[in-house]
C-alpha cells in the first residue's frame, strides 16, 4: 500500500488509491490526527485526492486510513505532501 502521496496536479502520485488484486474496496475512510473523518468513499474505485469533504485542500500531514473489503478492515497511515 502506498504511504506517501503528493496531490499537486503534476499527474504523478496525485491520489491515494488502495492497490489490491482481486478485491473490491467497499469503503475508504480518511481521518485526521484528531479522529475527524476527512473523506469517505463507497465507490469500487475508491481513492482520495487530498481534499476534505467540503472540497478544501487538506494540509500536509499524516493521515489514518481504513479500507473495508468483505467485512474486513485494513488500516494504516499515509503522508500527504504538497
N, C-alpha and C. Protein backbone atom coordinates (compact mmCIF):
# COMPACT_ATOMS: atom_id res chain seq x y z
N UNK A 1 0.85 -1.18 0.00
CA UNK A 1 0.00 0.00 0.00
C UNK A 1 0.89 1.24 0.00
N UNK A 2 0.62 2.19 -0.89
CA UNK A 2 1.42 3.42 -0.87
C UNK A 2 1.21 4.16 0.44
N UNK A 3 2.24 4.83 0.94
CA UNK A 3 2.08 5.55 2.20
C UNK A 3 2.43 7.03 2.10
N UNK A 4 2.76 7.50 0.89
CA UNK A 4 3.00 8.92 0.65
C UNK A 4 2.33 9.29 -0.67
N UNK A 5 1.68 10.44 -0.70
CA UNK A 5 1.19 10.93 -1.98
C UNK A 5 1.27 12.45 -2.02
N UNK A 6 1.32 12.97 -3.25
CA UNK A 6 1.59 14.39 -3.46
C UNK A 6 0.56 14.98 -4.42
N UNK A 7 -0.61 15.37 -3.92
CA UNK A 7 -1.66 15.91 -4.79
C UNK A 7 -1.34 17.34 -5.26
N UNK A 8 -0.43 17.45 -6.23
CA UNK A 8 -0.01 18.77 -6.69
C UNK A 8 -0.26 18.97 -8.19
N UNK A 9 -1.11 18.14 -8.78
CA UNK A 9 -1.53 18.26 -10.18
C UNK A 9 -0.39 18.10 -11.19
N UNK A 10 0.64 17.32 -10.85
CA UNK A 10 1.70 17.05 -11.82
C UNK A 10 1.50 15.69 -12.50
N UNK A 11 0.37 15.05 -12.23
CA UNK A 11 0.00 13.75 -12.80
C UNK A 11 0.89 12.61 -12.34
N UNK A 12 1.63 12.80 -11.26
CA UNK A 12 2.44 11.74 -10.67
C UNK A 12 2.09 11.65 -9.19
N UNK A 13 1.55 10.51 -8.80
CA UNK A 13 1.26 10.26 -7.39
C UNK A 13 0.29 11.29 -6.81
N UNK A 14 -0.71 11.71 -7.60
CA UNK A 14 -1.64 12.76 -7.19
C UNK A 14 -2.81 12.25 -6.34
N UNK A 15 -3.03 10.94 -6.29
CA UNK A 15 -4.13 10.40 -5.49
C UNK A 15 -3.64 9.22 -4.67
N UNK A 16 -4.34 8.97 -3.57
CA UNK A 16 -4.12 7.78 -2.77
C UNK A 16 -5.19 6.78 -3.18
N UNK A 17 -4.78 5.66 -3.74
CA UNK A 17 -5.70 4.61 -4.16
C UNK A 17 -5.18 3.28 -3.65
N UNK A 18 -6.02 2.52 -2.92
CA UNK A 18 -5.60 1.19 -2.48
C UNK A 18 -5.27 0.31 -3.69
N UNK A 19 -4.13 -0.35 -3.62
CA UNK A 19 -3.71 -1.26 -4.69
C UNK A 19 -3.88 -2.68 -4.17
N UNK A 20 -4.96 -3.31 -4.59
CA UNK A 20 -5.30 -4.65 -4.13
C UNK A 20 -5.72 -5.50 -5.32
N UNK A 21 -5.16 -6.68 -5.43
CA UNK A 21 -5.51 -7.57 -6.53
C UNK A 21 -6.70 -8.43 -6.16
N UNK A 22 -7.62 -8.58 -7.09
CA UNK A 22 -8.79 -9.45 -6.94
C UNK A 22 -9.67 -9.08 -5.75
N UNK A 23 -9.71 -7.81 -5.40
CA UNK A 23 -10.55 -7.35 -4.29
C UNK A 23 -11.32 -6.11 -4.72
N UNK A 24 -12.49 -5.95 -4.17
CA UNK A 24 -13.28 -4.75 -4.40
C UNK A 24 -13.37 -3.99 -3.09
N UNK A 25 -12.89 -2.76 -3.10
CA UNK A 25 -12.94 -1.92 -1.91
C UNK A 25 -14.38 -1.48 -1.71
N UNK A 26 -14.93 -1.79 -0.55
CA UNK A 26 -16.31 -1.40 -0.25
C UNK A 26 -16.38 -0.02 0.39
N UNK A 27 -15.31 0.37 1.07
CA UNK A 27 -15.30 1.68 1.72
C UNK A 27 -13.87 2.12 1.99
N UNK A 28 -13.63 3.40 1.79
CA UNK A 28 -12.35 4.01 2.12
C UNK A 28 -12.64 5.22 2.99
N UNK A 29 -12.03 5.25 4.18
CA UNK A 29 -12.20 6.38 5.09
C UNK A 29 -10.82 6.97 5.40
N UNK A 30 -10.74 8.29 5.43
CA UNK A 30 -9.52 9.01 5.77
C UNK A 30 -9.81 9.88 6.99
N UNK A 31 -8.95 9.76 8.00
CA UNK A 31 -9.11 10.52 9.24
C UNK A 31 -7.89 11.41 9.47
N UNK A 32 -8.14 12.56 10.12
CA UNK A 32 -7.01 13.40 10.52
C UNK A 32 -6.49 12.93 11.88
N UNK A 33 -5.51 13.61 12.41
CA UNK A 33 -4.87 13.17 13.66
C UNK A 33 -5.79 13.27 14.88
N UNK A 34 -6.89 14.00 14.77
CA UNK A 34 -7.83 14.14 15.87
C UNK A 34 -9.01 13.18 15.73
N UNK A 35 -8.95 12.30 14.74
CA UNK A 35 -10.01 11.30 14.56
C UNK A 35 -11.22 11.80 13.79
N UNK A 36 -11.12 12.98 13.19
CA UNK A 36 -12.22 13.51 12.39
C UNK A 36 -12.13 12.92 10.98
N UNK A 37 -13.26 12.50 10.44
CA UNK A 37 -13.25 11.94 9.10
C UNK A 37 -13.15 13.06 8.06
N UNK A 38 -12.18 12.94 7.17
CA UNK A 38 -11.99 13.95 6.12
C UNK A 38 -12.53 13.50 4.79
N UNK A 39 -12.58 12.18 4.59
CA UNK A 39 -13.01 11.66 3.29
C UNK A 39 -13.67 10.30 3.50
N UNK A 40 -14.74 10.07 2.76
CA UNK A 40 -15.45 8.79 2.80
C UNK A 40 -15.86 8.44 1.39
N UNK A 41 -15.50 7.24 0.94
CA UNK A 41 -15.87 6.80 -0.40
C UNK A 41 -16.39 5.38 -0.33
N UNK A 42 -17.52 5.15 -0.97
CA UNK A 42 -18.11 3.82 -1.07
C UNK A 42 -18.07 3.30 -2.49
N UNK A 43 -17.25 3.92 -3.34
CA UNK A 43 -17.14 3.53 -4.74
C UNK A 43 -16.16 2.38 -4.91
N UNK A 44 -16.40 1.48 -5.86
CA UNK A 44 -15.46 0.37 -6.10
C UNK A 44 -14.05 0.84 -6.47
N UNK A 45 -13.93 1.97 -7.13
CA UNK A 45 -12.62 2.54 -7.47
C UNK A 45 -12.28 3.66 -6.48
N UNK A 46 -12.36 3.35 -5.20
CA UNK A 46 -12.17 4.36 -4.15
C UNK A 46 -10.76 4.96 -4.20
N UNK A 47 -10.70 6.28 -4.01
CA UNK A 47 -9.43 6.97 -3.94
C UNK A 47 -9.62 8.25 -3.15
N UNK A 48 -8.50 8.88 -2.77
CA UNK A 48 -8.54 10.18 -2.10
C UNK A 48 -7.61 11.13 -2.84
N UNK A 49 -8.12 12.31 -3.18
CA UNK A 49 -7.35 13.30 -3.92
C UNK A 49 -6.77 14.40 -3.04
N UNK A 50 -6.80 14.22 -1.72
CA UNK A 50 -6.22 15.19 -0.82
C UNK A 50 -7.14 16.34 -0.45
N UNK A 51 -8.44 16.16 -0.72
CA UNK A 51 -9.41 17.20 -0.38
C UNK A 51 -10.32 16.72 0.75
N UNK A 52 -10.82 17.67 1.50
CA UNK A 52 -11.74 17.35 2.58
C UNK A 52 -13.15 17.17 2.01
N UNK A 53 -14.10 16.79 2.85
CA UNK A 53 -15.48 16.64 2.39
C UNK A 53 -16.09 17.96 1.95
N UNK A 54 -15.53 19.08 2.42
CA UNK A 54 -16.01 20.40 1.98
C UNK A 54 -15.22 20.90 0.77
N UNK A 55 -14.46 20.00 0.12
CA UNK A 55 -13.71 20.26 -1.11
C UNK A 55 -12.56 21.25 -0.92
N UNK A 56 -12.03 21.34 0.28
CA UNK A 56 -10.86 22.17 0.56
C UNK A 56 -9.62 21.28 0.54
N UNK A 57 -8.46 21.84 0.18
CA UNK A 57 -7.22 21.09 0.24
C UNK A 57 -6.88 20.76 1.68
N UNK A 58 -6.64 19.50 1.95
CA UNK A 58 -6.20 19.09 3.28
C UNK A 58 -4.74 19.51 3.43
N UNK A 59 -4.33 19.91 4.63
CA UNK A 59 -2.95 20.35 4.82
C UNK A 59 -1.97 19.18 4.80
N UNK A 60 -0.70 19.50 4.59
CA UNK A 60 0.34 18.48 4.70
C UNK A 60 0.29 17.90 6.10
N UNK A 61 0.24 16.60 6.19
CA UNK A 61 0.15 15.95 7.49
C UNK A 61 0.17 14.44 7.30
N UNK A 62 0.14 13.73 8.41
CA UNK A 62 -0.02 12.29 8.40
C UNK A 62 -1.49 12.00 8.67
N UNK A 63 -2.06 11.12 7.88
CA UNK A 63 -3.48 10.76 7.99
C UNK A 63 -3.61 9.26 8.22
N UNK A 64 -4.74 8.87 8.77
CA UNK A 64 -5.04 7.48 9.06
C UNK A 64 -6.10 7.02 8.08
N UNK A 65 -5.91 5.86 7.46
CA UNK A 65 -6.91 5.35 6.53
C UNK A 65 -7.46 4.02 7.01
N UNK A 66 -8.70 3.76 6.63
CA UNK A 66 -9.37 2.48 6.88
C UNK A 66 -9.97 2.04 5.56
N UNK A 67 -9.67 0.82 5.16
CA UNK A 67 -10.20 0.23 3.93
C UNK A 67 -11.03 -0.97 4.33
N UNK A 68 -12.27 -1.03 3.85
CA UNK A 68 -13.17 -2.15 4.16
C UNK A 68 -13.32 -3.00 2.90
N UNK A 69 -13.04 -4.29 3.06
CA UNK A 69 -13.18 -5.27 1.99
C UNK A 69 -13.82 -6.52 2.59
N UNK A 70 -14.99 -6.86 2.10
CA UNK A 70 -15.68 -8.08 2.54
C UNK A 70 -15.75 -8.20 4.06
N UNK A 71 -16.23 -7.17 4.72
CA UNK A 71 -16.39 -7.14 6.17
C UNK A 71 -15.08 -7.22 6.94
N UNK A 72 -13.95 -7.01 6.29
CA UNK A 72 -12.65 -6.94 6.96
C UNK A 72 -12.11 -5.54 6.80
N UNK A 73 -11.44 -5.05 7.84
CA UNK A 73 -10.88 -3.71 7.81
C UNK A 73 -9.35 -3.79 7.80
N UNK A 74 -8.78 -2.97 6.95
CA UNK A 74 -7.34 -2.81 6.87
C UNK A 74 -7.05 -1.33 7.12
N UNK A 75 -6.02 -1.05 7.87
CA UNK A 75 -5.76 0.35 8.21
C UNK A 75 -4.27 0.63 8.22
N UNK A 76 -3.96 1.90 8.19
CA UNK A 76 -2.56 2.33 8.23
C UNK A 76 -2.48 3.84 8.15
N UNK A 77 -1.27 4.32 7.99
CA UNK A 77 -1.01 5.76 7.93
C UNK A 77 -0.45 6.14 6.57
N UNK A 78 -0.77 7.36 6.15
CA UNK A 78 -0.19 7.88 4.92
C UNK A 78 0.17 9.34 5.11
N UNK A 79 1.16 9.76 4.37
CA UNK A 79 1.66 11.12 4.46
C UNK A 79 1.24 11.90 3.22
N UNK A 80 0.61 13.05 3.43
CA UNK A 80 0.23 13.95 2.33
C UNK A 80 1.29 15.04 2.28
N UNK A 81 1.93 15.18 1.11
CA UNK A 81 2.95 16.21 0.92
C UNK A 81 2.53 17.06 -0.27
N UNK A 82 2.48 18.34 -0.09
CA UNK A 82 2.09 19.25 -1.20
C UNK A 82 3.31 19.88 -1.83
